[in-house]
C-alpha atoms as a PDB file:
ATOM      1  CA  UNK A   1     120.115 110.684 101.794  1.00  0.00           C
ATOM      2  CA  UNK A   2     117.839 109.509  98.976  1.00  0.00           C
ATOM      3  CA  UNK A   3     118.270 106.035  97.523  1.00  0.00           C
ATOM      4  CA  UNK A   4     120.553 105.658  94.521  1.00  0.00           C
ATOM      5  CA  UNK A   5     119.355 103.653  91.516  1.00  0.00           C
ATOM      6  CA  UNK A   6     122.192 102.351  89.356  1.00  0.00           C
ATOM      7  CA  UNK A   7     121.792 101.379  85.700  1.00  0.00           C
ATOM      8  CA  UNK A   8     124.802  99.398  84.427  1.00  0.00           C
ATOM      9  CA  UNK A   9     125.560  98.651  80.805  1.00  0.00           C
ATOM     10  CA  UNK A  10     124.232  95.252  79.731  1.00  0.00           C
ATOM     11  CA  UNK A  11     127.054  92.763  79.113  1.00  0.00           C
ATOM     12  CA  UNK A  12     125.116  89.852  77.572  1.00  0.00           C
ATOM     13  CA  UNK A  13     126.275  89.392  73.939  1.00  0.00           C
ATOM     14  CA  UNK A  14     123.876  91.032  71.495  1.00  0.00           C
ATOM     15  CA  UNK A  15     121.698  92.642  74.190  1.00  0.00           C
ATOM     16  CA  UNK A  16     120.660  96.081  72.950  1.00  0.00           C
ATOM     17  CA  UNK A  17     118.169  97.007  75.633  1.00  0.00           C
ATOM     18  CA  UNK A  18     118.812  99.241  78.601  1.00  0.00           C
ATOM     19  CA  UNK A  19     116.963  99.002  81.911  1.00  0.00           C
ATOM     20  CA  UNK A  20     115.565 102.531  81.892  1.00  0.00           C
ATOM     21  CA  UNK A  21     115.215 105.569  79.638  1.00  0.00           C
ATOM     22  CA  UNK A  22     115.563 109.330  80.226  1.00  0.00           C
ATOM     23  CA  UNK A  23     111.805 109.903  80.603  1.00  0.00           C
ATOM     24  CA  UNK A  24     111.683 107.365  83.433  1.00  0.00           C
ATOM     25  CA  UNK A  25     114.824 108.839  84.986  1.00  0.00           C
ATOM     26  CA  UNK A  26     113.037 112.181  85.255  1.00  0.00           C
ATOM     27  CA  UNK A  27     110.076 110.536  86.993  1.00  0.00           C
ATOM     28  CA  UNK A  28     112.305 108.621  89.409  1.00  0.00           C
ATOM     29  CA  UNK A  29     114.120 111.799  90.382  1.00  0.00           C
ATOM     30  CA  UNK A  30     110.806 113.580  90.944  1.00  0.00           C
ATOM     31  CA  UNK A  31     109.919 110.761  93.348  1.00  0.00           C
ATOM     32  CA  UNK A  32     113.061 111.443  95.355  1.00  0.00           C
ATOM     33  CA  UNK A  33     115.517 108.920  93.951  1.00  0.00           C
ATOM     34  CA  UNK A  34     118.982 109.621  92.620  1.00  0.00           C
ATOM     35  CA  UNK A  35     119.946 107.869  89.376  1.00  0.00           C
ATOM     36  CA  UNK A  36     123.395 106.882  88.140  1.00  0.00           C
ATOM     37  CA  UNK A  37     123.886 105.416  84.664  1.00  0.00           C
ATOM     38  CA  UNK A  38     127.028 103.679  83.503  1.00  0.00           C
ATOM     39  CA  UNK A  39     128.685 105.473  80.615  1.00  0.00           C
ATOM     40  CA  UNK A  40     127.547 103.955  77.333  1.00  0.00           C
ATOM     41  CA  UNK A  41     124.683 101.985  78.884  1.00  0.00           C
ATOM     42  CA  UNK A  42     122.233 103.327  76.314  1.00  0.00           C
ATOM     43  CA  UNK A  43     124.471 103.293  73.250  1.00  0.00           C
ATOM     44  CA  UNK A  44     123.055 100.073  71.786  1.00  0.00           C
ATOM     45  CA  UNK A  45     119.535 101.440  72.270  1.00  0.00           C
ATOM     46  CA  UNK A  46     120.474 104.724  70.570  1.00  0.00           C
ATOM     47  CA  UNK A  47     120.272 106.686  73.835  1.00  0.00           C
ATOM     48  CA  UNK A  48     123.261 108.934  74.411  1.00  0.00           C
ATOM     49  CA  UNK A  49     124.798 109.661  77.782  1.00  0.00           C
ATOM     50  CA  UNK A  50     123.870 113.312  77.303  1.00  0.00           C
ATOM     51  CA  UNK A  51     120.164 112.359  77.178  1.00  0.00           C
ATOM     52  CA  UNK A  52     120.433 110.702  80.572  1.00  0.00           C
ATOM     53  CA  UNK A  53     122.478 113.602  81.887  1.00  0.00           C
ATOM     54  CA  UNK A  54     119.830 116.076  80.695  1.00  0.00           C
ATOM     55  CA  UNK A  55     117.196 114.038  82.547  1.00  0.00           C
ATOM     56  CA  UNK A  56     119.127 114.465  85.783  1.00  0.00           C
ATOM     57  CA  UNK A  57     121.152 111.251  85.937  1.00  0.00           C
ATOM     58  CA  UNK A  58     124.800 111.061  86.879  1.00  0.00           C
ATOM     59  CA  UNK A  59     126.992 109.324  84.301  1.00  0.00           C
ATOM     60  CA  UNK A  60     129.504 106.963  85.941  1.00  0.00           C
ATOM     61  CA  UNK A  61     132.478 105.533  84.071  1.00  0.00           C
ATOM     62  CA  UNK A  62     133.678 103.226  86.848  1.00  0.00           C
ATOM     63  CA  UNK A  63     131.529 100.093  86.610  1.00  0.00           C
ATOM     64  CA  UNK A  64     132.603  98.687  89.983  1.00  0.00           C
ATOM     65  CA  UNK A  65     131.847 102.010  91.649  1.00  0.00           C
ATOM     66  CA  UNK A  66     128.350 102.034  90.170  1.00  0.00           C
ATOM     67  CA  UNK A  67     127.563  98.602  91.610  1.00  0.00           C
ATOM     68  CA  UNK A  68     129.234  99.348  94.931  1.00  0.00           C
ATOM     69  CA  UNK A  69     127.326 102.580  95.569  1.00  0.00           C
ATOM     70  CA  UNK A  70     123.871 101.744  94.175  1.00  0.00           C
ATOM     71  CA  UNK A  71     121.119 100.918  96.646  1.00  0.00           C
ATOM     72  CA  UNK A  72     119.032  99.481  93.791  1.00  0.00           C
ATOM     73  CA  UNK A  73     120.388  98.126  90.502  1.00  0.00           C
ATOM     74  CA  UNK A  74     118.157  98.141  87.412  1.00  0.00           C
ATOM     75  CA  UNK A  75     119.079  95.582  84.755  1.00  0.00           C
ATOM     76  CA  UNK A  76     117.430  93.847  81.819  1.00  0.00           C
ATOM     77  CA  UNK A  77     119.308  90.559  81.903  1.00  0.00           C
ATOM     78  CA  UNK A  78     120.092  88.752  85.112  1.00  0.00           C
ATOM     79  CA  UNK A  79     123.622  89.361  86.391  1.00  0.00           C
ATOM     80  CA  UNK A  80     126.505  87.208  85.240  1.00  0.00           C
ATOM     81  CA  UNK A  81     128.988  85.796  87.734  1.00  0.00           C
ATOM     82  CA  UNK A  82     131.120  88.917  87.643  1.00  0.00           C
ATOM     83  CA  UNK A  83     128.133  91.142  88.335  1.00  0.00           C
ATOM     84  CA  UNK A  84     126.914  88.920  91.161  1.00  0.00           C
ATOM     85  CA  UNK A  85     130.289  89.478  92.807  1.00  0.00           C
ATOM     86  CA  UNK A  86     129.776  93.252  92.478  1.00  0.00           C
ATOM     87  CA  UNK A  87     126.415  93.294  94.256  1.00  0.00           C
ATOM     88  CA  UNK A  88     126.679  95.340  97.432  1.00  0.00           C
ATOM     89  CA  UNK A  89     125.558  93.930 100.752  1.00  0.00           C
ATOM     90  CA  UNK A  90     122.042  95.125 101.524  1.00  0.00           C
ATOM     91  CA  UNK A  91     121.447  96.208  97.932  1.00  0.00           C
ATOM     92  CA  UNK A  92     118.478  95.356  95.724  1.00  0.00           C
ATOM     93  CA  UNK A  93     118.534  93.943  92.193  1.00  0.00           C
ATOM     94  CA  UNK A  94     115.615  94.473  89.797  1.00  0.00           C
ATOM     95  CA  UNK A  95     115.986  92.396  86.627  1.00  0.00           C
ATOM     96  CA  UNK A  96     114.717  89.439  84.682  1.00  0.00           C
ATOM     97  CA  UNK A  97     115.987  86.224  86.274  1.00  0.00           C
ATOM     98  CA  UNK A  98     114.157  83.361  84.531  1.00  0.00           C
ATOM     99  CA  UNK A  99     114.687  81.067  87.531  1.00  0.00           C
ATOM    100  CA  UNK A 100     113.638  77.864  85.777  1.00  0.00           C
ATOM    101  CA  UNK A 101     116.324  78.407  83.139  1.00  0.00           C
ATOM    102  CA  UNK A 102     118.960  79.798  85.483  1.00  0.00           C
ATOM    103  CA  UNK A 103     119.241  77.646  88.625  1.00  0.00           C
ATOM    104  CA  UNK A 104     122.978  78.340  88.787  1.00  0.00           C
ATOM    105  CA  UNK A 105     122.292  82.075  88.987  1.00  0.00           C
ATOM    106  CA  UNK A 106     119.909  81.560  91.889  1.00  0.00           C
ATOM    107  CA  UNK A 107     122.472  79.448  93.687  1.00  0.00           C
ATOM    108  CA  UNK A 108     125.078  82.153  93.083  1.00  0.00           C
ATOM    109  CA  UNK A 109     122.750  84.805  94.489  1.00  0.00           C
ATOM    110  CA  UNK A 110     122.091  82.619  97.509  1.00  0.00           C
ATOM    111  CA  UNK A 111     125.825  82.130  98.058  1.00  0.00           C
ATOM    112  CA  UNK A 112     126.300  85.894  97.775  1.00  0.00           C
ATOM    113  CA  UNK A 113     123.906  86.362 100.701  1.00  0.00           C
ATOM    114  CA  UNK A 114     120.707  87.235  98.874  1.00  0.00           C
ATOM    115  CA  UNK A 115     118.101  87.840 101.588  1.00  0.00           C
ATOM    116  CA  UNK A 116     115.025  87.172  99.465  1.00  0.00           C
ATOM    117  CA  UNK A 117     113.832  86.963  95.887  1.00  0.00           C
ATOM    118  CA  UNK A 118     110.631  88.600  94.683  1.00  0.00           C
ATOM    119  CA  UNK A 119     109.078  86.208  92.164  1.00  0.00           C
ATOM    120  CA  UNK A 120     106.763  87.398  89.404  1.00  0.00           C
ATOM    121  CA  UNK A 121     106.167  86.314  85.817  1.00  0.00           C
ATOM    122  CA  UNK A 122     106.313  89.080  83.249  1.00  0.00           C
ATOM    123  CA  UNK A 123     103.447  89.291  80.790  1.00  0.00           C
ATOM    124  CA  UNK A 124     105.156  91.004  77.858  1.00  0.00           C
ATOM    125  CA  UNK A 125     103.100  89.821  74.898  1.00  0.00           C
ATOM    126  CA  UNK A 126      99.350  89.737  74.121  1.00  0.00           C
ATOM    127  CA  UNK A 127      99.951  86.239  72.740  1.00  0.00           C
ATOM    128  CA  UNK A 128     100.709  84.914  76.187  1.00  0.00           C
ATOM    129  CA  UNK A 129      97.814  83.078  77.779  1.00  0.00           C
ATOM    130  CA  UNK A 130      98.218  83.638  81.491  1.00  0.00           C
ATOM    131  CA  UNK A 131      95.361  82.322  83.656  1.00  0.00           C
ATOM    132  CA  UNK A 132      94.714  85.180  86.046  1.00  0.00           C
ATOM    133  CA  UNK A 133      93.130  84.610  89.449  1.00  0.00           C
ATOM    134  CA  UNK A 134      93.783  85.082  93.167  1.00  0.00           C
ATOM    135  CA  UNK A 135      97.340  84.000  93.940  1.00  0.00           C
ATOM    136  CA  UNK A 136      98.043  82.963  90.361  1.00  0.00           C
ATOM    137  CA  UNK A 137     101.773  83.737  90.659  1.00  0.00           C
ATOM    138  CA  UNK A 138     102.303  82.097  94.029  1.00  0.00           C
ATOM    139  CA  UNK A 139     103.362  78.696  92.564  1.00  0.00           C
ATOM    140  CA  UNK A 140     106.397  80.372  90.984  1.00  0.00           C
ATOM    141  CA  UNK A 141     107.565  81.632  94.366  1.00  0.00           C
ATOM    142  CA  UNK A 142     106.843  78.233  95.884  1.00  0.00           C
ATOM    143  CA  UNK A 143     108.997  76.494  93.269  1.00  0.00           C
ATOM    144  CA  UNK A 144     111.953  78.837  93.778  1.00  0.00           C
ATOM    145  CA  UNK A 145     111.689  78.404  97.536  1.00  0.00           C
ATOM    146  CA  UNK A 146     111.622  74.608  97.207  1.00  0.00           C
ATOM    147  CA  UNK A 147     114.414  74.243  94.651  1.00  0.00           C
ATOM    148  CA  UNK A 148     116.861  76.908  95.776  1.00  0.00           C
ATOM    149  CA  UNK A 149     116.043  77.486  99.419  1.00  0.00           C
ATOM    150  CA  UNK A 150     116.023  81.262  99.084  1.00  0.00           C
ATOM    151  CA  UNK A 151     113.337  83.112 101.029  1.00  0.00           C
ATOM    152  CA  UNK A 152     110.711  84.183  98.513  1.00  0.00           C
ATOM    153  CA  UNK A 153     108.150  86.967  98.214  1.00  0.00           C
ATOM    154  CA  UNK A 154     104.951  86.052  96.382  1.00  0.00           C
ATOM    155  CA  UNK A 155     102.643  88.275  94.345  1.00  0.00           C
ATOM    156  CA  UNK A 156      99.627  87.847  92.091  1.00  0.00           C
ATOM    157  CA  UNK A 157      96.197  89.231  92.986  1.00  0.00           C
ATOM    158  CA  UNK A 158      96.740  88.736  96.698  1.00  0.00           C
ATOM    159  CA  UNK A 159      94.044  90.939  98.185  1.00  0.00           C
ATOM    160  CA  UNK A 160      92.395  89.106 101.076  1.00  0.00           C
ATOM    161  CA  UNK A 161      94.144  89.044 104.487  1.00  0.00           C
ATOM    162  CA  UNK A 162      93.227  85.399 105.109  1.00  0.00           C
ATOM    163  CA  UNK A 163      94.623  84.479 101.695  1.00  0.00           C
ATOM    164  CA  UNK A 164      97.894  86.302 102.408  1.00  0.00           C
ATOM    165  CA  UNK A 165      98.163  84.690 105.842  1.00  0.00           C
ATOM    166  CA  UNK A 166      97.566  81.214 104.405  1.00  0.00           C
ATOM    167  CA  UNK A 167     100.310  81.617 101.779  1.00  0.00           C
ATOM    168  CA  UNK A 168     102.885  82.317 104.481  1.00  0.00           C
ATOM    169  CA  UNK A 169     101.466  79.891 107.067  1.00  0.00           C
ATOM    170  CA  UNK A 170     101.417  77.035 104.544  1.00  0.00           C
ATOM    171  CA  UNK A 171     105.026  77.652 103.548  1.00  0.00           C
ATOM    172  CA  UNK A 172     104.252  78.582  99.947  1.00  0.00           C
ATOM    173  CA  UNK A 173     106.291  81.772 100.352  1.00  0.00           C
ATOM    174  CA  UNK A 174     108.011  83.639 103.146  1.00  0.00           C
ATOM    175  CA  UNK A 175     106.201  86.912 102.531  1.00  0.00           C
ATOM    176  CA  UNK A 176     103.654  88.465 100.203  1.00  0.00           C
ATOM    177  CA  UNK A 177     103.866  91.730  98.315  1.00  0.00           C
ATOM    178  CA  UNK A 178     100.864  93.879  97.459  1.00  0.00           C
ATOM    179  CA  UNK A 179     100.497  96.404  94.666  1.00  0.00           C
ATOM    180  CA  UNK A 180      97.006  97.206  93.428  1.00  0.00           C
ATOM    181  CA  UNK A 181      95.463  96.171  96.738  1.00  0.00           C
ATOM    182  CA  UNK A 182      97.547  98.806  98.517  1.00  0.00           C
ATOM    183  CA  UNK A 183      96.726 101.448  95.918  1.00  0.00           C
ATOM    184  CA  UNK A 184      93.033 100.751  96.442  1.00  0.00           C
ATOM    185  CA  UNK A 185      93.305 100.569 100.236  1.00  0.00           C
ATOM    186  CA  UNK A 186      96.439 102.236 101.675  1.00  0.00           C
ATOM    187  CA  UNK A 187      95.378 101.059 105.151  1.00  0.00           C
ATOM    188  CA  UNK A 188      95.288  97.425 104.034  1.00  0.00           C
ATOM    189  CA  UNK A 189      97.808  96.312 106.719  1.00  0.00           C
ATOM    190  CA  UNK A 190      95.657  97.846 109.464  1.00  0.00           C
ATOM    191  CA  UNK A 191      92.499  96.254 108.123  1.00  0.00           C
ATOM    192  CA  UNK A 192      94.297  92.925 107.730  1.00  0.00           C
ATOM    193  CA  UNK A 193      95.555  93.087 111.308  1.00  0.00           C
ATOM    194  CA  UNK A 194      92.046  93.807 112.543  1.00  0.00           C
ATOM    195  CA  UNK A 195      90.599  90.883 110.592  1.00  0.00           C
ATOM    196  CA  UNK A 196      93.313  88.454 111.718  1.00  0.00           C
ATOM    197  CA  UNK A 197      93.355  89.549 115.345  1.00  0.00           C
ATOM    198  CA  UNK A 198      96.815  91.096 115.195  1.00  0.00           C
ATOM    199  CA  UNK A 199      98.028  94.485 116.409  1.00  0.00           C
ATOM    200  CA  UNK A 200      99.817  97.386 114.710  1.00  0.00           C
ATOM    201  CA  UNK A 201     101.978 100.256 115.906  1.00  0.00           C
ATOM    202  CA  UNK A 202     100.076 103.352 114.785  1.00  0.00           C
ATOM    203  CA  UNK A 203     101.198 106.990 115.148  1.00  0.00           C
ATOM    204  CA  UNK A 204      99.571 108.629 118.145  1.00  0.00           C
ATOM    205  CA  UNK A 205      97.693 111.032 115.861  1.00  0.00           C
ATOM    206  CA  UNK A 206      95.636 108.041 114.676  1.00  0.00           C
ATOM    207  CA  UNK A 207      94.790 106.509 118.043  1.00  0.00           C
ATOM    208  CA  UNK A 208      91.347 108.134 118.137  1.00  0.00           C
ATOM    209  CA  UNK A 209      90.472 106.464 114.815  1.00  0.00           C
ATOM    210  CA  UNK A 210      90.640 102.968 116.322  1.00  0.00           C
ATOM    211  CA  UNK A 211      87.250 101.275 115.748  1.00  0.00           C
ATOM    212  CA  UNK A 212      85.379 100.322 118.908  1.00  0.00           C
ATOM    213  CA  UNK A 213      85.071  96.710 117.766  1.00  0.00           C
ATOM    214  CA  UNK A 214      88.881  96.512 117.479  1.00  0.00           C
ATOM    215  CA  UNK A 215      89.813  98.221 120.743  1.00  0.00           C
ATOM    216  CA  UNK A 216      93.164  96.393 120.966  1.00  0.00           C
ATOM    217  CA  UNK A 217      94.257  97.014 117.369  1.00  0.00           C
ATOM    218  CA  UNK A 218      96.727  99.833 118.105  1.00  0.00           C
ATOM    219  CA  UNK A 219      99.623  98.889 120.345  1.00  0.00           C
ATOM    220  CA  UNK A 220     100.289 101.162 123.318  1.00  0.00           C
ATOM    221  CA  UNK A 221      97.370 103.443 122.409  1.00  0.00           C
ATOM    222  CA  UNK A 222      96.249 105.655 125.258  1.00  0.00           C
ATOM    223  CA  UNK A 223      93.196 107.896 125.459  1.00  0.00           C
ATOM    224  CA  UNK A 224      92.462 110.741 127.795  1.00  0.00           C
ATOM    225  CA  UNK A 225      89.005 111.334 129.208  1.00  0.00           C
ATOM    226  CA  UNK A 226      86.541 113.142 126.929  1.00  0.00           C
END
């Protein structure tokens, strides 16, 4: 069964945005997701339910059902206390959190059993002056980890295996997440394992590709005589 993305109506007073639009819904469905949108979620943004329905989304009137059945919830604003209570166990929330301004929300998420928080700053304006460099977003994850105690996932131009290893080993974050580095090199985890002296579990179809200088890279690899 494909993962279900749920898009609830925003409840923050005066919030007119909605977490996704019909064009994006179409793309998500093409990538194998199912999408459910709460009835009226797009009204304030002048997007009718029928537009979402035409894009392939299911329109759900029962708010609690939407939260209870969604594997991933897309929101603009962070959840309020009522929405935190609706989060399903094992689900994923994608929204703005503003952790520095909302410590109570982080504590509520932790109490709800949040397994980890993925910390990134959103550059939404050309007027923002964000110093970009290797690991430039890691301090945000480190601060959340220190102040709230939630396991954190760090991002921000993390491309070198030794750099990624140091972030975790030094306790700055509990894990790292890669985006552009993985797009550039889909075998990044294999190459990182080779560089750091670790091993990976590779499908048997790839065993013959193991480089001679990394003869122990693939776990349980076996080769017949040739």
